[in-house]
């Protein structure tokens, strides 16, 4: 009978450790938290962009962390996804209402934005290569860049009446849509 209080004490301690571990894991924010941008184009199409938002963290982003002339997932973690509730036009090409992933091929001044019917995939493989299935690529749109008005520590997407803008570090990437 003397062992019963010892067993209860050990179980209470184990329970406390498990609860504390779970609570600690829940309070640590992710390095690249998930975010969503929503907006409406001039045409009335409602656009949603779901992405993970990495930070600069004193790193060189363009041409270094995100290499030029290589396919990039346009965010962190999973591939960035865009949803439209109506047909829209991007760089003269029709994008029918639906959900797509977007990737980018950055250069110093003109980017290619890739629209793909593939969704739900991680953004890159463990070796750093893209998870984009090129056979599901719908089209590429050209996007101009400009220097941001302010430094953006976190990657952010904004949607306005004319399209969307990807902003990170000191760069804005402008993607017109109708």
N, C-alpha and C. Protein backbone atom coordinates (compact mmCIF):
# COMPACT_ATOMS: atom_id res chain seq x y z
N UNK A 1 0.79 -1.20 0.00
CA UNK A 1 0.00 0.00 0.00
C UNK A 1 0.84 1.26 0.00
N UNK A 2 2.10 1.17 0.48
CA UNK A 2 2.95 2.34 0.53
C UNK A 2 3.35 2.79 -0.88
N UNK A 3 3.29 1.89 -1.86
CA UNK A 3 3.68 2.22 -3.22
C UNK A 3 2.63 3.06 -3.94
N UNK A 4 1.40 3.01 -3.54
CA UNK A 4 0.32 3.73 -4.19
C UNK A 4 0.56 5.25 -4.20
N UNK A 5 0.95 5.90 -3.08
CA UNK A 5 1.23 7.34 -3.15
C UNK A 5 2.42 7.66 -4.06
N UNK A 6 3.43 6.78 -4.09
CA UNK A 6 4.59 7.00 -4.96
C UNK A 6 4.17 6.93 -6.42
N UNK A 7 3.35 5.97 -6.77
CA UNK A 7 2.88 5.83 -8.16
C UNK A 7 2.03 7.04 -8.54
N UNK A 8 1.14 7.46 -7.65
CA UNK A 8 0.32 8.65 -7.92
C UNK A 8 1.19 9.88 -8.12
N UNK A 9 2.22 10.01 -7.32
CA UNK A 9 3.13 11.16 -7.44
C UNK A 9 3.88 11.13 -8.77
N UNK A 10 4.34 9.93 -9.16
CA UNK A 10 5.04 9.80 -10.45
C UNK A 10 4.10 10.11 -11.62
N UNK A 11 2.88 9.62 -11.55
CA UNK A 11 1.90 9.89 -12.62
C UNK A 11 1.57 11.38 -12.69
N UNK A 12 1.42 12.03 -11.55
CA UNK A 12 1.14 13.48 -11.54
C UNK A 12 2.31 14.25 -12.13
N UNK A 13 3.53 13.85 -11.81
CA UNK A 13 4.72 14.51 -12.36
C UNK A 13 4.78 14.31 -13.87
N UNK A 14 4.56 13.08 -14.33
CA UNK A 14 4.58 12.79 -15.77
C UNK A 14 3.51 13.59 -16.49
N UNK A 15 2.32 13.64 -15.93
CA UNK A 15 1.23 14.42 -16.51
C UNK A 15 1.62 15.90 -16.62
N UNK A 16 2.22 16.44 -15.58
CA UNK A 16 2.65 17.85 -15.57
C UNK A 16 3.69 18.12 -16.65
N UNK A 17 4.63 17.21 -16.81
CA UNK A 17 5.67 17.37 -17.83
C UNK A 17 5.05 17.37 -19.23
N UNK A 18 4.12 16.45 -19.47
CA UNK A 18 3.47 16.37 -20.78
C UNK A 18 2.69 17.66 -21.06
N UNK A 19 1.92 18.13 -20.09
CA UNK A 19 1.13 19.36 -20.27
C UNK A 19 2.05 20.55 -20.50
N UNK A 20 3.12 20.66 -19.73
CA UNK A 20 4.06 21.78 -19.89
C UNK A 20 4.72 21.74 -21.26
N UNK A 21 5.12 20.56 -21.71
CA UNK A 21 5.75 20.43 -23.04
C UNK A 21 4.79 20.84 -24.14
N UNK A 22 3.54 20.41 -24.03
CA UNK A 22 2.54 20.77 -25.03
C UNK A 22 2.30 22.27 -25.03
N UNK A 23 2.17 22.86 -23.85
CA UNK A 23 1.93 24.31 -23.75
C UNK A 23 3.11 25.09 -24.30
N UNK A 24 4.33 24.65 -24.05
CA UNK A 24 5.52 25.34 -24.55
C UNK A 24 5.58 25.29 -26.07
N UNK A 25 5.25 24.13 -26.63
CA UNK A 25 5.29 23.99 -28.08
C UNK A 25 4.26 24.90 -28.75
N UNK A 26 3.15 25.13 -28.09
CA UNK A 26 2.09 25.94 -28.66
C UNK A 26 2.40 27.44 -28.63
N UNK A 27 3.30 27.88 -27.76
CA UNK A 27 3.57 29.30 -27.63
C UNK A 27 4.74 29.78 -28.49
N UNK A 28 5.49 28.88 -29.09
CA UNK A 28 6.60 29.27 -29.95
C UNK A 28 6.05 29.61 -31.34
N UNK A 29 6.16 30.87 -31.75
CA UNK A 29 5.61 31.22 -33.07
C UNK A 29 6.45 30.60 -34.20
N UNK A 30 5.82 30.23 -35.29
CA UNK A 30 6.57 29.66 -36.42
C UNK A 30 7.48 30.72 -37.04
N UNK A 31 8.59 30.27 -37.61
CA UNK A 31 9.54 31.19 -38.25
C UNK A 31 8.91 31.91 -39.45
N UNK A 32 8.07 31.21 -40.18
CA UNK A 32 7.39 31.79 -41.35
C UNK A 32 5.89 31.52 -41.22
N UNK A 33 5.19 32.35 -40.46
CA UNK A 33 3.78 32.07 -40.20
C UNK A 33 2.91 32.15 -41.46
N UNK A 34 1.86 31.36 -41.43
CA UNK A 34 0.89 31.39 -42.53
C UNK A 34 0.15 32.73 -42.51
N UNK A 35 -0.17 33.22 -43.69
CA UNK A 35 -0.91 34.48 -43.80
C UNK A 35 -1.81 34.40 -45.02
N UNK A 36 -2.78 35.29 -45.07
CA UNK A 36 -3.73 35.33 -46.18
C UNK A 36 -3.98 36.77 -46.56
N UNK A 37 -3.94 37.05 -47.86
CA UNK A 37 -4.30 38.38 -48.38
C UNK A 37 -5.62 38.22 -49.14
N UNK A 38 -6.51 39.19 -48.94
CA UNK A 38 -7.81 39.16 -49.63
C UNK A 38 -8.08 40.53 -50.22
N UNK A 39 -8.71 40.55 -51.37
CA UNK A 39 -9.06 41.81 -51.99
C UNK A 39 -9.95 41.59 -53.20
N UNK A 40 -10.39 42.70 -53.77
CA UNK A 40 -11.30 42.64 -54.91
C UNK A 40 -10.72 43.47 -56.05
N UNK A 41 -10.67 42.88 -57.24
CA UNK A 41 -10.20 43.60 -58.42
C UNK A 41 -11.28 44.56 -58.91
N UNK A 42 -10.89 45.46 -59.78
CA UNK A 42 -11.84 46.41 -60.37
C UNK A 42 -13.01 45.69 -61.05
N UNK A 43 -12.72 44.50 -61.60
CA UNK A 43 -13.75 43.71 -62.28
C UNK A 43 -14.76 43.09 -61.31
N UNK A 44 -14.47 43.15 -60.01
CA UNK A 44 -15.35 42.55 -59.01
C UNK A 44 -14.91 41.17 -58.57
N UNK A 45 -13.87 40.62 -59.20
CA UNK A 45 -13.38 39.30 -58.81
C UNK A 45 -12.73 39.37 -57.42
N UNK A 46 -13.12 38.45 -56.57
CA UNK A 46 -12.53 38.37 -55.23
C UNK A 46 -11.31 37.45 -55.30
N UNK A 47 -10.17 37.97 -54.84
CA UNK A 47 -8.91 37.24 -54.90
C UNK A 47 -8.45 36.93 -53.48
N UNK A 48 -7.95 35.72 -53.27
CA UNK A 48 -7.35 35.32 -52.00
C UNK A 48 -5.99 34.71 -52.30
N UNK A 49 -4.97 35.14 -51.58
CA UNK A 49 -3.63 34.55 -51.71
C UNK A 49 -3.25 34.00 -50.34
N UNK A 50 -2.94 32.70 -50.29
CA UNK A 50 -2.52 32.02 -49.06
C UNK A 50 -1.04 31.69 -49.18
N UNK A 51 -0.27 32.12 -48.19
CA UNK A 51 1.18 31.97 -48.26
C UNK A 51 1.77 31.91 -46.86
N UNK A 52 3.05 31.58 -46.78
CA UNK A 52 3.79 31.66 -45.52
C UNK A 52 4.76 32.82 -45.66
N UNK A 53 4.89 33.59 -44.57
CA UNK A 53 5.59 34.87 -44.61
C UNK A 53 6.94 34.82 -43.89
N UNK A 54 8.03 34.58 -44.63
CA UNK A 54 9.36 34.57 -44.00
C UNK A 54 9.83 35.99 -43.66
N UNK A 55 10.84 36.07 -42.81
CA UNK A 55 11.44 37.35 -42.42
C UNK A 55 12.80 37.51 -43.09
N UNK A 56 13.23 38.74 -43.19
CA UNK A 56 14.55 39.05 -43.75
C UNK A 56 15.65 38.57 -42.79
N UNK A 57 15.52 38.88 -41.51
CA UNK A 57 16.49 38.47 -40.48
C UNK A 57 17.93 38.83 -40.85
N UNK A 58 18.14 40.06 -41.31
CA UNK A 58 19.49 40.53 -41.68
C UNK A 58 20.15 39.72 -42.78
N UNK A 59 19.36 39.11 -43.65
CA UNK A 59 19.91 38.33 -44.77
C UNK A 59 19.72 39.09 -46.06
N UNK A 60 20.58 38.82 -47.03
CA UNK A 60 20.38 39.33 -48.39
C UNK A 60 19.36 38.40 -49.04
N UNK A 61 18.27 38.97 -49.51
CA UNK A 61 17.18 38.15 -50.05
C UNK A 61 17.35 37.89 -51.54
N UNK A 62 17.26 38.94 -52.34
CA UNK A 62 17.21 38.80 -53.81
C UNK A 62 18.59 38.52 -54.38
N UNK A 63 18.68 37.40 -55.09
CA UNK A 63 19.95 37.00 -55.67
C UNK A 63 20.80 36.18 -54.72
N UNK A 64 20.33 35.96 -53.50
CA UNK A 64 21.07 35.19 -52.50
C UNK A 64 20.14 34.12 -51.91
N UNK A 65 19.40 34.47 -50.84
CA UNK A 65 18.46 33.52 -50.25
C UNK A 65 17.46 33.05 -51.32
N UNK A 66 16.97 33.98 -52.10
CA UNK A 66 16.11 33.67 -53.25
C UNK A 66 16.95 33.94 -54.50
N UNK A 67 17.50 32.89 -55.11
CA UNK A 67 18.38 33.09 -56.26
C UNK A 67 17.65 33.64 -57.48
N UNK A 68 18.36 34.41 -58.26
CA UNK A 68 17.82 34.88 -59.53
C UNK A 68 17.78 33.72 -60.52
N UNK A 69 16.79 33.78 -61.42
CA UNK A 69 16.63 32.86 -62.55
C UNK A 69 16.42 31.40 -62.14
N UNK A 70 15.86 31.19 -60.92
CA UNK A 70 15.47 29.85 -60.49
C UNK A 70 14.03 29.92 -59.99
N UNK A 71 13.29 28.84 -60.16
CA UNK A 71 11.90 28.80 -59.70
C UNK A 71 11.87 28.88 -58.18
N UNK A 72 11.04 29.80 -57.68
CA UNK A 72 10.88 30.02 -56.24
C UNK A 72 9.41 29.87 -55.87
N UNK A 73 9.09 29.37 -54.72
CA UNK A 73 7.72 29.09 -54.29
C UNK A 73 6.91 30.32 -53.91
N UNK A 74 7.48 31.50 -54.06
CA UNK A 74 6.79 32.78 -53.82
C UNK A 74 6.33 32.94 -52.37
N UNK A 75 7.10 32.40 -51.47
CA UNK A 75 6.82 32.46 -50.03
C UNK A 75 7.69 31.44 -49.34
N UNK A 76 7.23 30.93 -48.20
CA UNK A 76 7.96 29.89 -47.47
C UNK A 76 7.04 28.68 -47.30
N UNK A 77 7.62 27.60 -46.81
CA UNK A 77 6.88 26.37 -46.51
C UNK A 77 6.17 25.84 -47.75
N UNK A 78 4.84 25.75 -47.74
CA UNK A 78 4.11 25.22 -48.90
C UNK A 78 4.09 26.23 -50.04
N UNK A 79 3.78 25.75 -51.22
CA UNK A 79 3.67 26.64 -52.37
C UNK A 79 2.55 27.65 -52.13
N UNK A 80 2.76 28.87 -52.55
CA UNK A 80 1.76 29.93 -52.42
C UNK A 80 0.57 29.61 -53.32
N UNK A 81 -0.65 29.86 -52.82
CA UNK A 81 -1.85 29.57 -53.59
C UNK A 81 -2.69 30.83 -53.78
N UNK A 82 -3.30 30.92 -54.95
CA UNK A 82 -4.18 32.03 -55.28
C UNK A 82 -5.54 31.46 -55.69
N UNK A 83 -6.59 32.11 -55.21
CA UNK A 83 -7.96 31.69 -55.54
C UNK A 83 -8.70 32.90 -56.10
N UNK A 84 -9.47 32.69 -57.16
CA UNK A 84 -10.33 33.74 -57.71
C UNK A 84 -11.74 33.17 -57.87
N UNK A 85 -12.72 34.00 -57.53
CA UNK A 85 -14.10 33.53 -57.62
C UNK A 85 -14.72 33.80 -59.00
N UNK A 86 -14.00 34.54 -59.85
CA UNK A 86 -14.46 34.82 -61.22
C UNK A 86 -13.29 34.68 -62.17
N UNK A 87 -13.58 34.50 -63.44
CA UNK A 87 -12.52 34.48 -64.45
C UNK A 87 -11.83 35.84 -64.45
N UNK A 88 -10.51 35.84 -64.58
CA UNK A 88 -9.74 37.08 -64.65
C UNK A 88 -8.73 36.98 -65.78
N UNK A 89 -8.08 38.10 -66.05
CA UNK A 89 -7.04 38.14 -67.07
C UNK A 89 -5.73 38.58 -66.40
N UNK A 90 -4.68 37.82 -66.68
CA UNK A 90 -3.36 38.13 -66.14
C UNK A 90 -2.40 38.17 -67.33
N UNK A 91 -1.80 39.32 -67.57
CA UNK A 91 -0.85 39.49 -68.68
C UNK A 91 -1.46 39.01 -70.00
N UNK A 92 -2.74 39.35 -70.22
CA UNK A 92 -3.42 39.01 -71.47
C UNK A 92 -3.90 37.57 -71.56
N UNK A 93 -3.73 36.79 -70.49
CA UNK A 93 -4.15 35.39 -70.51
C UNK A 93 -5.30 35.19 -69.53
N UNK A 94 -6.24 34.34 -69.92
CA UNK A 94 -7.40 34.08 -69.08
C UNK A 94 -7.06 33.05 -68.00
N UNK A 95 -7.45 33.39 -66.76
CA UNK A 95 -7.35 32.47 -65.64
C UNK A 95 -8.78 32.24 -65.15
N UNK A 96 -9.30 31.03 -65.36
CA UNK A 96 -10.69 30.76 -64.98
C UNK A 96 -10.81 30.68 -63.46
N UNK A 97 -12.00 30.97 -62.97
CA UNK A 97 -12.26 30.94 -61.52
C UNK A 97 -11.78 29.60 -60.97
N UNK A 98 -11.08 29.66 -59.84
CA UNK A 98 -10.56 28.44 -59.22
C UNK A 98 -9.38 28.72 -58.33
N UNK A 99 -8.70 27.65 -57.95
CA UNK A 99 -7.56 27.70 -57.05
C UNK A 99 -6.31 27.21 -57.78
N UNK A 100 -5.22 27.94 -57.63
CA UNK A 100 -3.97 27.65 -58.33
C UNK A 100 -2.79 27.88 -57.39
N UNK A 101 -1.64 27.31 -57.74
CA UNK A 101 -0.43 27.72 -57.02
C UNK A 101 0.33 28.68 -57.92
N UNK A 102 1.08 29.55 -57.26
CA UNK A 102 1.91 30.48 -58.01
C UNK A 102 3.35 30.33 -57.55
N UNK A 103 4.22 30.37 -58.51
CA UNK A 103 5.66 30.34 -58.31
C UNK A 103 6.21 31.56 -59.03
N UNK A 104 7.46 31.87 -58.77
CA UNK A 104 8.08 33.02 -59.43
C UNK A 104 9.48 32.65 -59.88
N UNK A 105 9.91 33.29 -60.95
CA UNK A 105 11.30 33.23 -61.38
C UNK A 105 11.81 34.66 -61.32
N UNK A 106 12.51 35.01 -60.22
CA UNK A 106 12.98 36.39 -60.07
C UNK A 106 14.21 36.68 -60.94
N UNK A 107 14.26 37.91 -61.41
CA UNK A 107 15.48 38.46 -62.01
C UNK A 107 15.64 39.84 -61.38
N UNK A 108 16.60 40.59 -61.80
CA UNK A 108 16.84 41.89 -61.17
C UNK A 108 15.73 42.90 -61.44
N UNK A 109 15.00 42.77 -62.58
CA UNK A 109 13.99 43.80 -62.84
C UNK A 109 12.68 43.29 -63.43
N UNK A 110 12.64 42.13 -64.02
CA UNK A 110 11.41 41.61 -64.61
C UNK A 110 11.25 40.16 -64.19
N UNK A 111 10.15 39.86 -63.55
CA UNK A 111 9.92 38.51 -63.05
C UNK A 111 8.93 37.76 -63.91
N UNK A 112 9.01 36.43 -63.88
CA UNK A 112 7.98 35.56 -64.44
C UNK A 112 7.20 34.98 -63.27
N UNK A 113 5.89 35.13 -63.32
CA UNK A 113 5.00 34.54 -62.32
C UNK A 113 4.33 33.35 -62.99
N UNK A 114 4.50 32.18 -62.40
CA UNK A 114 3.98 30.93 -62.97
C UNK A 114 2.66 30.58 -62.28
N UNK A 115 1.63 30.38 -63.08
CA UNK A 115 0.34 29.92 -62.57
C UNK A 115 0.22 28.44 -62.90
N UNK A 116 -0.09 27.63 -61.88
CA UNK A 116 -0.14 26.18 -62.05
C UNK A 116 -1.44 25.62 -61.49
N UNK A 117 -1.96 24.59 -62.14
CA UNK A 117 -3.17 23.93 -61.64
C UNK A 117 -2.86 23.00 -60.46
N UNK A 118 -1.60 22.75 -60.23
CA UNK A 118 -1.17 21.92 -59.10
C UNK A 118 -1.34 22.71 -57.80
N UNK A 119 -1.98 22.13 -56.79
CA UNK A 119 -2.13 22.80 -55.49
C UNK A 119 -1.87 21.81 -54.37
N UNK A 120 -1.61 22.37 -53.17
CA UNK A 120 -1.45 21.54 -51.99
C UNK A 120 -0.08 20.94 -51.78
N UNK A 121 0.88 21.28 -52.59
CA UNK A 121 2.20 20.68 -52.50
C UNK A 121 3.15 21.53 -51.63
N UNK A 122 4.18 20.90 -51.06
CA UNK A 122 5.20 21.72 -50.40
C UNK A 122 5.87 22.59 -51.46
N UNK A 123 6.46 23.67 -51.03
CA UNK A 123 7.05 24.60 -52.00
C UNK A 123 8.34 24.15 -52.63
N UNK A 124 9.10 23.33 -51.87
CA UNK A 124 10.36 22.85 -52.42
C UNK A 124 10.73 21.51 -51.80
N UNK A 125 11.61 20.81 -52.46
CA UNK A 125 12.11 19.53 -51.97
C UNK A 125 13.25 19.77 -50.98
N UNK A 126 13.65 18.73 -50.28
CA UNK A 126 14.73 18.84 -49.29
C UNK A 126 16.05 19.28 -49.91
N UNK A 127 16.25 18.98 -51.18
CA UNK A 127 17.50 19.37 -51.85
C UNK A 127 17.45 20.80 -52.40
N UNK A 128 16.35 21.52 -52.14
CA UNK A 128 16.21 22.91 -52.59
C UNK A 128 15.59 23.05 -53.97
N UNK A 129 15.29 21.96 -54.64
CA UNK A 129 14.67 22.03 -55.96
C UNK A 129 13.17 22.28 -55.81
N UNK A 130 12.56 22.74 -56.86
CA UNK A 130 11.14 23.07 -56.85
C UNK A 130 10.26 21.82 -56.86
N UNK A 131 9.07 21.94 -56.28
CA UNK A 131 8.08 20.87 -56.35
C UNK A 131 7.08 21.11 -57.49
N UNK A 132 7.28 22.19 -58.22
CA UNK A 132 6.38 22.52 -59.33
C UNK A 132 6.43 21.41 -60.37
N UNK A 133 5.26 20.89 -60.70
CA UNK A 133 5.12 19.92 -61.79
C UNK A 133 4.90 20.75 -63.05
N UNK A 134 5.93 20.88 -63.86
CA UNK A 134 5.87 21.75 -65.03
C UNK A 134 4.78 21.33 -66.02
N UNK A 135 4.34 20.08 -65.97
CA UNK A 135 3.27 19.65 -66.88
C UNK A 135 1.92 20.26 -66.48
N UNK A 136 1.83 20.80 -65.25
CA UNK A 136 0.59 21.43 -64.79
C UNK A 136 0.65 22.95 -64.85
N UNK A 137 1.72 23.46 -65.44
CA UNK A 137 1.86 24.91 -65.61
C UNK A 137 0.84 25.40 -66.63
N UNK A 138 0.07 26.43 -66.25
CA UNK A 138 -0.92 26.99 -67.16
C UNK A 138 -0.30 28.06 -68.06
N UNK A 139 0.39 29.02 -67.44
CA UNK A 139 1.07 30.07 -68.19
C UNK A 139 1.99 30.85 -67.26
N UNK A 140 2.79 31.71 -67.87
CA UNK A 140 3.67 32.61 -67.13
C UNK A 140 3.28 34.04 -67.48
N UNK A 141 3.24 34.87 -66.46
CA UNK A 141 2.95 36.30 -66.64
C UNK A 141 4.18 37.09 -66.26
N UNK A 142 4.44 38.18 -66.98
CA UNK A 142 5.56 39.04 -66.65
C UNK A 142 5.13 40.07 -65.60
N UNK A 143 6.01 40.32 -64.65
CA UNK A 143 5.73 41.27 -63.57
C UNK A 143 6.92 42.20 -63.40
N UNK A 144 6.61 43.50 -63.31
CA UNK A 144 7.66 44.49 -63.10
C UNK A 144 7.96 44.63 -61.61
N UNK A 145 9.15 45.12 -61.33
CA UNK A 145 9.55 45.36 -59.94
C UNK A 145 9.86 46.83 -59.75
N UNK A 146 9.78 47.25 -58.48
CA UNK A 146 10.21 48.60 -58.12
C UNK A 146 10.68 48.57 -56.68
N UNK A 147 11.45 49.57 -56.33
CA UNK A 147 11.93 49.69 -54.96
C UNK A 147 10.75 50.02 -54.05
N UNK A 148 10.66 49.32 -52.92
CA UNK A 148 9.59 49.58 -51.96
C UNK A 148 9.75 50.94 -51.32
N UNK A 149 8.63 51.53 -50.89
CA UNK A 149 8.68 52.81 -50.17
C UNK A 149 9.32 52.64 -48.80
N UNK A 150 9.18 51.43 -48.23
CA UNK A 150 9.76 51.15 -46.91
C UNK A 150 10.28 49.71 -46.90
N UNK A 151 11.19 49.43 -45.99
CA UNK A 151 11.73 48.08 -45.84
C UNK A 151 10.64 47.18 -45.25
N UNK A 152 10.44 46.02 -45.85
CA UNK A 152 9.46 45.04 -45.37
C UNK A 152 10.21 43.86 -44.76
N UNK A 153 10.21 43.76 -43.45
CA UNK A 153 10.89 42.65 -42.76
C UNK A 153 10.24 41.33 -43.14
N UNK A 154 8.93 41.30 -43.22
CA UNK A 154 8.22 40.08 -43.59
C UNK A 154 7.69 40.17 -45.01
N UNK A 155 7.67 39.06 -45.69
CA UNK A 155 7.05 38.99 -47.01
C UNK A 155 5.56 39.22 -46.83
N UNK A 156 5.00 40.06 -47.70
CA UNK A 156 3.57 40.34 -47.62
C UNK A 156 3.00 40.47 -49.03
N UNK A 157 1.78 39.98 -49.19
CA UNK A 157 1.02 40.17 -50.42
C UNK A 157 -0.08 41.17 -50.13
N UNK A 158 -0.32 42.07 -51.06
CA UNK A 158 -1.47 42.96 -50.99
C UNK A 158 -2.22 42.86 -52.31
N UNK A 159 -3.53 42.95 -52.20
CA UNK A 159 -4.38 42.88 -53.39
C UNK A 159 -5.11 44.20 -53.49
N UNK A 160 -5.07 44.79 -54.69
CA UNK A 160 -5.79 46.04 -54.92
C UNK A 160 -6.64 45.89 -56.17
N UNK A 161 -7.28 46.95 -56.60
CA UNK A 161 -8.19 46.89 -57.76
C UNK A 161 -7.47 46.52 -59.06
N UNK A 162 -6.14 46.71 -59.10
CA UNK A 162 -5.38 46.48 -60.33
C UNK A 162 -4.62 45.15 -60.34
N UNK A 163 -4.63 44.39 -59.24
CA UNK A 163 -3.89 43.13 -59.20
C UNK A 163 -3.32 42.88 -57.82
N UNK A 164 -2.14 42.24 -57.77
CA UNK A 164 -1.51 42.02 -56.47
C UNK A 164 -0.05 42.46 -56.50
N UNK A 165 0.47 42.70 -55.30
CA UNK A 165 1.86 43.11 -55.13
C UNK A 165 2.48 42.20 -54.08
N UNK A 166 3.62 41.62 -54.41
CA UNK A 166 4.44 40.89 -53.45
C UNK A 166 5.50 41.87 -52.97
N UNK A 167 5.60 42.09 -51.66
CA UNK A 167 6.58 43.03 -51.10
C UNK A 167 7.43 42.30 -50.08
N UNK A 168 8.73 42.44 -50.23
CA UNK A 168 9.64 41.85 -49.24
C UNK A 168 10.98 42.56 -49.36
N UNK A 169 11.61 42.75 -48.24
CA UNK A 169 12.86 43.49 -48.15
C UNK A 169 12.61 44.87 -48.74
N UNK A 170 13.33 45.26 -49.76
CA UNK A 170 13.16 46.58 -50.38
C UNK A 170 12.60 46.49 -51.79
N UNK A 171 11.80 45.47 -52.05
CA UNK A 171 11.32 45.23 -53.42
C UNK A 171 9.82 45.00 -53.43
N UNK A 172 9.14 45.59 -54.42
CA UNK A 172 7.73 45.32 -54.72
C UNK A 172 7.68 44.67 -56.10
N UNK A 173 6.95 43.57 -56.20
CA UNK A 173 6.72 42.88 -57.47
C UNK A 173 5.25 43.07 -57.82
N UNK A 174 4.98 43.73 -58.93
CA UNK A 174 3.62 44.15 -59.30
C UNK A 174 3.06 43.22 -60.37
N UNK A 175 1.93 42.58 -60.07
CA UNK A 175 1.30 41.65 -60.99
C UNK A 175 -0.09 42.18 -61.36
N UNK A 176 -0.21 42.84 -62.53
CA UNK A 176 -1.52 43.37 -62.96
C UNK A 176 -2.51 42.27 -63.29
N UNK A 177 -3.77 42.50 -62.90
CA UNK A 177 -4.85 41.55 -63.17
C UNK A 177 -6.11 42.34 -63.48
N UNK A 178 -6.97 41.77 -64.33
CA UNK A 178 -8.26 42.41 -64.65
C UNK A 178 -9.36 41.42 -64.41
